Each structure stands twice: as C-alpha cells, then as structure tokens.
Amino acid sequence: MPRSHELVPEKRPLTVDFPDGIALHLVYRTRWFTSRKAQAINAARRQGDMSAGIADPLCALIESWDLLGDDDHPLPITPDTMLDLPEAIVVALERAIMRDIRRCHPLARRTATKATRIRMRPGDPSPMTHTPRTE
C-alpha cells in the first residue's frame, strides 16, 4: 500500500508567464496545501487578515523563485515582501500554484514530475478561495 508522501512529490518547479513574455520561475512545496489549511486561509480572508490569508500561505508554499527587486537583487520570500508586491503578482502566483496543484492530483492525467507553465489571464477567479459547486 502506498504512503501518502509517495502519492505527491515533495516539491515541484513552476513557470508563471506574465504579459510581454516575462516569466517567473519558482519551486513550490506540493504537500503543504491541505484541506485544513484551505479552511484556515478562507477563515483568515473572511476576517480581512491578508497576512494569514495570502502572504503567509504563499511564503509557506514557495520554496524559491527568481523574482528580483528594483535594485536587481533577489527578493526574499517573506510575508512583508508578499504584502508589498503589486496585487497582480500575488494573485498570479496564487492562481498558478493552485492550478498546478489541481493538475498534479494523483488521479489527474498529467505527470507530477514535469515542470508546468501557467499563463495568467485577467479575471480568473482566485483558486484559494474558490468554493466548488455542489449539485
């Protein structure tokens, strides 16, 4: 019988394509995001706590990235950095990671070992706060 850690890779590379051909490369921790954490994130967002609702989870998910500051030095992956980034970047990161997590589901057809490229489109719903429809 498989162990839970055998079903999902520990981390995964991801490329997020932004307009004008700019790409952000990152590695995220695939096993960090769980249903319990999703509940906590949603609760924090409902209370208006953007640190616990967005910044902290993204910092826990993202292991490394190649994002540079205006001074051409790598930006640290910290809650303060996330809260200071333009919201368009933060939302794009969140959406890209959540899409990739869903694509890497053990029952998905795609392999969970390849890097993925995600193209961000304006107006996509935020996946961390998406509530699945029940029929």
Foldseek 3Di string as FASTA:
>chain_A
DDDPCVLADQKAWEWEADPPRDIKIFIWGLPPDDPVLLVQLLVCVVVVNCLSNFLVVLLNTTPDICDADPVRHDDDSHSVVLVPDPVVVSQSSQQRSLVLSVCSRSPHPDDNHDYYYHYDDPPDDRPSNDDDDDD
